[in-house]
Amino acid sequence: MHPSFYEAIMPSWMPWHGGLVLLSGVCEVFLGLFLLPIATRRLAASLIILMLIVFLPVHIQTLIDAWHNQSAYLWVHVLRIPLQFVLIWWAKQYTRQTGVFYVSSPVVEA
């Protein structure tokens, strides 16, 4: 909804800020939708984990920038790092065949 916010927090060493923000937003929406069908759930969750890992350097860089700029919102950036690991763990729950978030269909035997 507000790509300029995300473009501003991207590390300077990353190229093509606008395109990467758009691409990541599209990926987030589609991967979220692909969590719904059981047939695509494991793949979608695995790709979400990969995306969260790829985003980790961006969050680390924003933490470093907030530290150097003595931002009043430093605490938000500090909390964001462990939150990434919680989200990775949560997505991992969707990659299991049997687990809290797995919904199996009943087996009908002839």
N, C-alpha and C. Protein backbone atom coordinates (compact mmCIF):
# COMPACT_ATOMS: atom_id res chain seq x y z
N MET A 1 0.82 -1.20 0.00
CA MET A 1 0.00 0.00 0.00
C MET A 1 0.86 1.26 0.00
N HIS A 2 2.00 1.20 0.71
CA HIS A 2 2.88 2.36 0.80
C HIS A 2 4.31 1.95 0.45
N PRO A 3 4.60 1.76 -0.82
CA PRO A 3 5.93 1.25 -1.20
C PRO A 3 7.07 2.19 -0.83
N SER A 4 6.82 3.48 -0.74
CA SER A 4 7.91 4.40 -0.40
C SER A 4 8.47 4.11 0.99
N PHE A 5 7.63 3.66 1.92
CA PHE A 5 8.09 3.29 3.26
C PHE A 5 9.10 2.15 3.16
N TYR A 6 8.77 1.13 2.39
CA TYR A 6 9.63 -0.04 2.28
C TYR A 6 10.88 0.26 1.46
N GLU A 7 10.75 1.11 0.45
CA GLU A 7 11.92 1.51 -0.34
C GLU A 7 12.93 2.24 0.55
N ALA A 8 12.44 3.05 1.48
CA ALA A 8 13.31 3.84 2.36
C ALA A 8 14.10 2.97 3.33
N ILE A 9 13.57 1.81 3.71
CA ILE A 9 14.29 0.98 4.69
C ILE A 9 15.18 -0.06 4.03
N MET A 10 15.17 -0.11 2.71
CA MET A 10 16.03 -1.08 2.03
C MET A 10 17.48 -0.63 2.09
N PRO A 11 18.39 -1.57 2.31
CA PRO A 11 19.81 -1.22 2.36
C PRO A 11 20.28 -0.60 1.04
N SER A 12 21.19 0.32 1.14
CA SER A 12 21.68 1.02 -0.06
C SER A 12 22.40 0.07 -1.02
N TRP A 13 22.94 -1.04 -0.52
CA TRP A 13 23.67 -1.96 -1.38
C TRP A 13 22.74 -2.83 -2.23
N MET A 14 21.44 -2.77 -1.95
CA MET A 14 20.50 -3.55 -2.76
C MET A 14 20.06 -2.70 -3.96
N PRO A 15 20.08 -3.28 -5.14
CA PRO A 15 19.67 -2.52 -6.32
C PRO A 15 18.15 -2.52 -6.50
N TRP A 16 17.66 -1.65 -7.34
CA TRP A 16 16.29 -1.68 -7.84
C TRP A 16 15.26 -1.74 -6.72
N HIS A 17 15.31 -0.75 -5.83
CA HIS A 17 14.45 -0.76 -4.64
C HIS A 17 12.96 -0.87 -4.99
N GLY A 18 12.49 -0.06 -5.91
CA GLY A 18 11.07 -0.08 -6.26
C GLY A 18 10.62 -1.43 -6.78
N GLY A 19 11.41 -2.01 -7.65
CA GLY A 19 11.06 -3.31 -8.22
C GLY A 19 11.09 -4.42 -7.20
N LEU A 20 12.07 -4.38 -6.31
CA LEU A 20 12.17 -5.42 -5.27
C LEU A 20 11.02 -5.32 -4.26
N VAL A 21 10.62 -4.09 -3.95
CA VAL A 21 9.49 -3.92 -3.03
C VAL A 21 8.21 -4.46 -3.68
N LEU A 22 8.01 -4.14 -4.95
CA LEU A 22 6.84 -4.65 -5.67
C LEU A 22 6.87 -6.18 -5.74
N LEU A 23 8.02 -6.72 -6.10
CA LEU A 23 8.16 -8.18 -6.20
C LEU A 23 7.91 -8.86 -4.85
N SER A 24 8.46 -8.32 -3.78
CA SER A 24 8.26 -8.94 -2.47
C SER A 24 6.80 -8.86 -2.04
N GLY A 25 6.14 -7.76 -2.35
CA GLY A 25 4.72 -7.65 -2.01
C GLY A 25 3.86 -8.64 -2.76
N VAL A 26 4.14 -8.81 -4.05
CA VAL A 26 3.41 -9.79 -4.85
C VAL A 26 3.67 -11.20 -4.31
N CYS A 27 4.92 -11.49 -3.99
CA CYS A 27 5.26 -12.81 -3.43
C CYS A 27 4.53 -13.06 -2.12
N GLU A 28 4.48 -12.06 -1.25
CA GLU A 28 3.80 -12.21 0.03
C GLU A 28 2.32 -12.54 -0.17
N VAL A 29 1.68 -11.84 -1.08
CA VAL A 29 0.25 -12.07 -1.32
C VAL A 29 0.03 -13.47 -1.89
N PHE A 30 0.77 -13.82 -2.94
CA PHE A 30 0.56 -15.12 -3.57
C PHE A 30 0.93 -16.28 -2.64
N LEU A 31 2.01 -16.15 -1.90
CA LEU A 31 2.39 -17.23 -0.98
C LEU A 31 1.36 -17.38 0.13
N GLY A 32 0.81 -16.27 0.59
CA GLY A 32 -0.26 -16.34 1.58
C GLY A 32 -1.48 -17.07 1.03
N LEU A 33 -1.83 -16.76 -0.22
CA LEU A 33 -2.97 -17.45 -0.85
C LEU A 33 -2.68 -18.93 -1.07
N PHE A 34 -1.42 -19.25 -1.40
CA PHE A 34 -1.05 -20.64 -1.65
C PHE A 34 -0.96 -21.46 -0.36
N LEU A 35 -1.05 -20.80 0.79
CA LEU A 35 -1.14 -21.55 2.06
C LEU A 35 -2.52 -22.16 2.24
N LEU A 36 -3.51 -21.62 1.58
CA LEU A 36 -4.89 -22.08 1.78
C LEU A 36 -5.14 -23.50 1.26
N PRO A 37 -4.83 -23.80 0.00
CA PRO A 37 -5.06 -25.18 -0.47
C PRO A 37 -4.04 -26.14 0.13
N ILE A 38 -4.51 -27.28 0.57
CA ILE A 38 -3.61 -28.27 1.17
C ILE A 38 -2.53 -28.70 0.18
N ALA A 39 -2.89 -28.79 -1.08
CA ALA A 39 -1.95 -29.27 -2.10
C ALA A 39 -0.73 -28.38 -2.25
N THR A 40 -0.86 -27.09 -1.98
CA THR A 40 0.26 -26.16 -2.16
C THR A 40 0.82 -25.64 -0.84
N ARG A 41 0.26 -26.07 0.26
CA ARG A 41 0.62 -25.53 1.58
C ARG A 41 2.09 -25.73 1.93
N ARG A 42 2.60 -26.94 1.74
CA ARG A 42 4.00 -27.22 2.12
C ARG A 42 4.98 -26.39 1.29
N LEU A 43 4.74 -26.32 -0.01
CA LEU A 43 5.61 -25.53 -0.87
C LEU A 43 5.54 -24.05 -0.52
N ALA A 44 4.33 -23.54 -0.32
CA ALA A 44 4.16 -22.13 0.03
C ALA A 44 4.87 -21.80 1.34
N ALA A 45 4.71 -22.66 2.34
CA ALA A 45 5.36 -22.42 3.64
C ALA A 45 6.88 -22.46 3.50
N SER A 46 7.39 -23.37 2.70
CA SER A 46 8.84 -23.45 2.48
C SER A 46 9.35 -22.19 1.81
N LEU A 47 8.61 -21.68 0.84
CA LEU A 47 9.01 -20.45 0.15
C LEU A 47 8.88 -19.23 1.06
N ILE A 48 7.91 -19.25 1.95
CA ILE A 48 7.78 -18.16 2.93
C ILE A 48 8.99 -18.17 3.86
N ILE A 49 9.42 -19.34 4.29
CA ILE A 49 10.62 -19.43 5.13
C ILE A 49 11.82 -18.85 4.39
N LEU A 50 11.97 -19.22 3.14
CA LEU A 50 13.07 -18.68 2.34
C LEU A 50 12.98 -17.16 2.23
N MET A 51 11.78 -16.65 2.01
CA MET A 51 11.59 -15.20 1.90
C MET A 51 11.94 -14.51 3.22
N LEU A 52 11.54 -15.09 4.34
CA LEU A 52 11.86 -14.49 5.64
C LEU A 52 13.36 -14.48 5.89
N ILE A 53 14.05 -15.50 5.45
CA ILE A 53 15.51 -15.54 5.59
C ILE A 53 16.16 -14.48 4.70
N VAL A 54 15.63 -14.33 3.49
CA VAL A 54 16.17 -13.32 2.57
C VAL A 54 15.94 -11.92 3.14
N PHE A 55 14.81 -11.70 3.82
CA PHE A 55 14.51 -10.39 4.39
C PHE A 55 15.35 -10.07 5.63
N LEU A 56 15.93 -11.07 6.26
CA LEU A 56 16.68 -10.86 7.50
C LEU A 56 17.79 -9.82 7.37
N PRO A 57 18.61 -9.83 6.31
CA PRO A 57 19.64 -8.78 6.19
C PRO A 57 19.06 -7.37 6.11
N VAL A 58 17.89 -7.24 5.53
CA VAL A 58 17.25 -5.92 5.47
C VAL A 58 16.90 -5.46 6.88
N HIS A 59 16.37 -6.35 7.69
CA HIS A 59 16.01 -5.99 9.06
C HIS A 59 17.25 -5.70 9.90
N ILE A 60 18.31 -6.43 9.67
CA ILE A 60 19.56 -6.16 10.39
C ILE A 60 20.10 -4.79 9.99
N GLN A 61 20.05 -4.48 8.70
CA GLN A 61 20.54 -3.18 8.24
C GLN A 61 19.70 -2.04 8.82
N THR A 62 18.38 -2.20 8.89
CA THR A 62 17.56 -1.14 9.48
C THR A 62 17.84 -0.99 10.97
N LEU A 63 18.17 -2.08 11.64
CA LEU A 63 18.57 -2.00 13.05
C LEU A 63 19.87 -1.22 13.19
N ILE A 64 20.83 -1.52 12.35
CA ILE A 64 22.11 -0.80 12.38
C ILE A 64 21.91 0.68 12.10
N ASP A 65 21.09 0.98 11.08
CA ASP A 65 20.82 2.38 10.74
C ASP A 65 20.12 3.10 11.89
N ALA A 66 19.15 2.43 12.53
CA ALA A 66 18.45 3.04 13.66
C ALA A 66 19.40 3.29 14.83
N TRP A 67 20.34 2.38 15.02
CA TRP A 67 21.34 2.54 16.09
C TRP A 67 22.22 3.76 15.81
N HIS A 68 22.72 3.86 14.57
CA HIS A 68 23.59 4.98 14.21
C HIS A 68 22.85 6.31 14.24
N ASN A 69 21.58 6.31 13.88
CA ASN A 69 20.79 7.55 13.86
C ASN A 69 20.15 7.85 15.21
N GLN A 70 20.41 7.01 16.19
CA GLN A 70 19.83 7.14 17.53
C GLN A 70 18.32 7.33 17.45
N SER A 71 17.69 6.47 16.67
CA SER A 71 16.26 6.54 16.44
C SER A 71 15.48 6.24 17.72
N ALA A 72 14.39 6.96 17.89
CA ALA A 72 13.50 6.70 19.02
C ALA A 72 12.80 5.36 18.85
N TYR A 73 12.80 4.85 17.63
CA TYR A 73 12.14 3.58 17.33
C TYR A 73 13.12 2.42 17.25
N LEU A 74 14.26 2.56 17.87
CA LEU A 74 15.25 1.49 17.88
C LEU A 74 14.66 0.20 18.42
N TRP A 75 13.84 0.30 19.44
CA TRP A 75 13.23 -0.88 20.06
C TRP A 75 12.40 -1.68 19.06
N VAL A 76 11.77 -1.02 18.10
CA VAL A 76 10.99 -1.72 17.08
C VAL A 76 11.92 -2.57 16.23
N HIS A 77 13.05 -2.01 15.86
CA HIS A 77 14.01 -2.74 15.03
C HIS A 77 14.67 -3.88 15.80
N VAL A 78 14.86 -3.69 17.09
CA VAL A 78 15.42 -4.75 17.92
C VAL A 78 14.44 -5.92 18.01
N LEU A 79 13.17 -5.63 18.20
CA LEU A 79 12.16 -6.69 18.31
C LEU A 79 11.89 -7.39 16.99
N ARG A 80 12.15 -6.69 15.90
CA ARG A 80 11.86 -7.25 14.58
C ARG A 80 12.74 -8.47 14.28
N ILE A 81 13.97 -8.49 14.77
CA ILE A 81 14.89 -9.61 14.49
C ILE A 81 14.36 -10.91 15.10
N PRO A 82 14.07 -10.97 16.40
CA PRO A 82 13.53 -12.23 16.93
C PRO A 82 12.16 -12.57 16.34
N LEU A 83 11.39 -11.55 15.96
CA LEU A 83 10.10 -11.81 15.34
C LEU A 83 10.27 -12.59 14.03
N GLN A 84 11.34 -12.31 13.28
CA GLN A 84 11.60 -13.06 12.05
C GLN A 84 11.73 -14.55 12.35
N PHE A 85 12.42 -14.88 13.43
CA PHE A 85 12.61 -16.29 13.79
C PHE A 85 11.31 -16.93 14.25
N VAL A 86 10.47 -16.17 14.94
CA VAL A 86 9.15 -16.68 15.33
C VAL A 86 8.32 -16.96 14.07
N LEU A 87 8.37 -16.04 13.11
CA LEU A 87 7.62 -16.23 11.86
C LEU A 87 8.16 -17.43 11.07
N ILE A 88 9.46 -17.62 11.08
CA ILE A 88 10.06 -18.79 10.42
C ILE A 88 9.56 -20.06 11.09
N TRP A 89 9.57 -20.09 12.43
CA TRP A 89 9.07 -21.26 13.15
C TRP A 89 7.60 -21.52 12.81
N TRP A 90 6.82 -20.45 12.77
CA TRP A 90 5.39 -20.57 12.48
C TRP A 90 5.18 -21.15 11.08
N ALA A 91 5.91 -20.62 10.10
CA ALA A 91 5.80 -21.14 8.74
C ALA A 91 6.24 -22.59 8.68
N LYS A 92 7.23 -22.95 9.47
CA LYS A 92 7.73 -24.34 9.51
C LYS A 92 6.61 -25.30 9.93
N GLN A 93 5.70 -24.83 10.76
CA GLN A 93 4.59 -25.68 11.20
C GLN A 93 3.72 -26.11 10.02
N TYR A 94 3.67 -25.29 8.99
CA TYR A 94 2.87 -25.59 7.81
C TYR A 94 3.58 -26.56 6.86
N THR A 95 4.84 -26.83 7.07
CA THR A 95 5.57 -27.72 6.17
C THR A 95 5.47 -29.18 6.59
N ARG A 96 4.88 -29.42 7.72
CA ARG A 96 4.80 -30.79 8.24
C ARG A 96 3.54 -31.47 7.73
N GLN A 97 3.64 -32.76 7.46
CA GLN A 97 2.48 -33.53 7.03
C GLN A 97 1.47 -33.67 8.16
N THR A 98 1.98 -33.91 9.35
CA THR A 98 1.10 -33.99 10.51
C THR A 98 1.55 -32.91 11.46
N GLY A 99 0.65 -32.10 11.88
CA GLY A 99 1.00 -31.03 12.79
C GLY A 99 -0.23 -30.21 13.12
N VAL A 100 0.00 -29.17 13.84
CA VAL A 100 -1.08 -28.33 14.31
C VAL A 100 -1.88 -27.75 13.15
N PHE A 101 -1.21 -27.37 12.07
CA PHE A 101 -1.88 -26.65 11.01
C PHE A 101 -2.22 -27.53 9.81
N TYR A 102 -1.93 -28.80 9.87
CA TYR A 102 -2.20 -29.68 8.75
C TYR A 102 -3.63 -30.20 8.87
N VAL A 103 -4.38 -30.06 7.81
CA VAL A 103 -5.74 -30.56 7.79
C VAL A 103 -5.79 -31.67 6.74
N SER A 104 -6.05 -32.88 7.19
CA SER A 104 -6.09 -34.00 6.25
C SER A 104 -7.53 -34.26 5.85
N SER A 105 -7.68 -34.78 4.65
CA SER A 105 -9.02 -35.16 4.20
C SER A 105 -9.26 -36.60 4.62
N PRO A 106 -10.50 -36.95 4.85
CA PRO A 106 -10.79 -38.32 5.28
C PRO A 106 -10.47 -39.30 4.16
N VAL A 107 -9.97 -40.45 4.54
CA VAL A 107 -9.63 -41.50 3.57
C VAL A 107 -10.86 -42.40 3.45
N VAL A 108 -11.28 -42.59 2.22
CA VAL A 108 -12.42 -43.46 1.96
C VAL A 108 -11.90 -44.74 1.34
N GLU A 109 -12.16 -45.84 2.01
CA GLU A 109 -11.70 -47.14 1.48
C GLU A 109 -12.86 -47.81 0.77
N ALA A 110 -12.54 -48.43 -0.33
CA ALA A 110 -13.58 -49.12 -1.10
C ALA A 110 -13.78 -50.53 -0.59
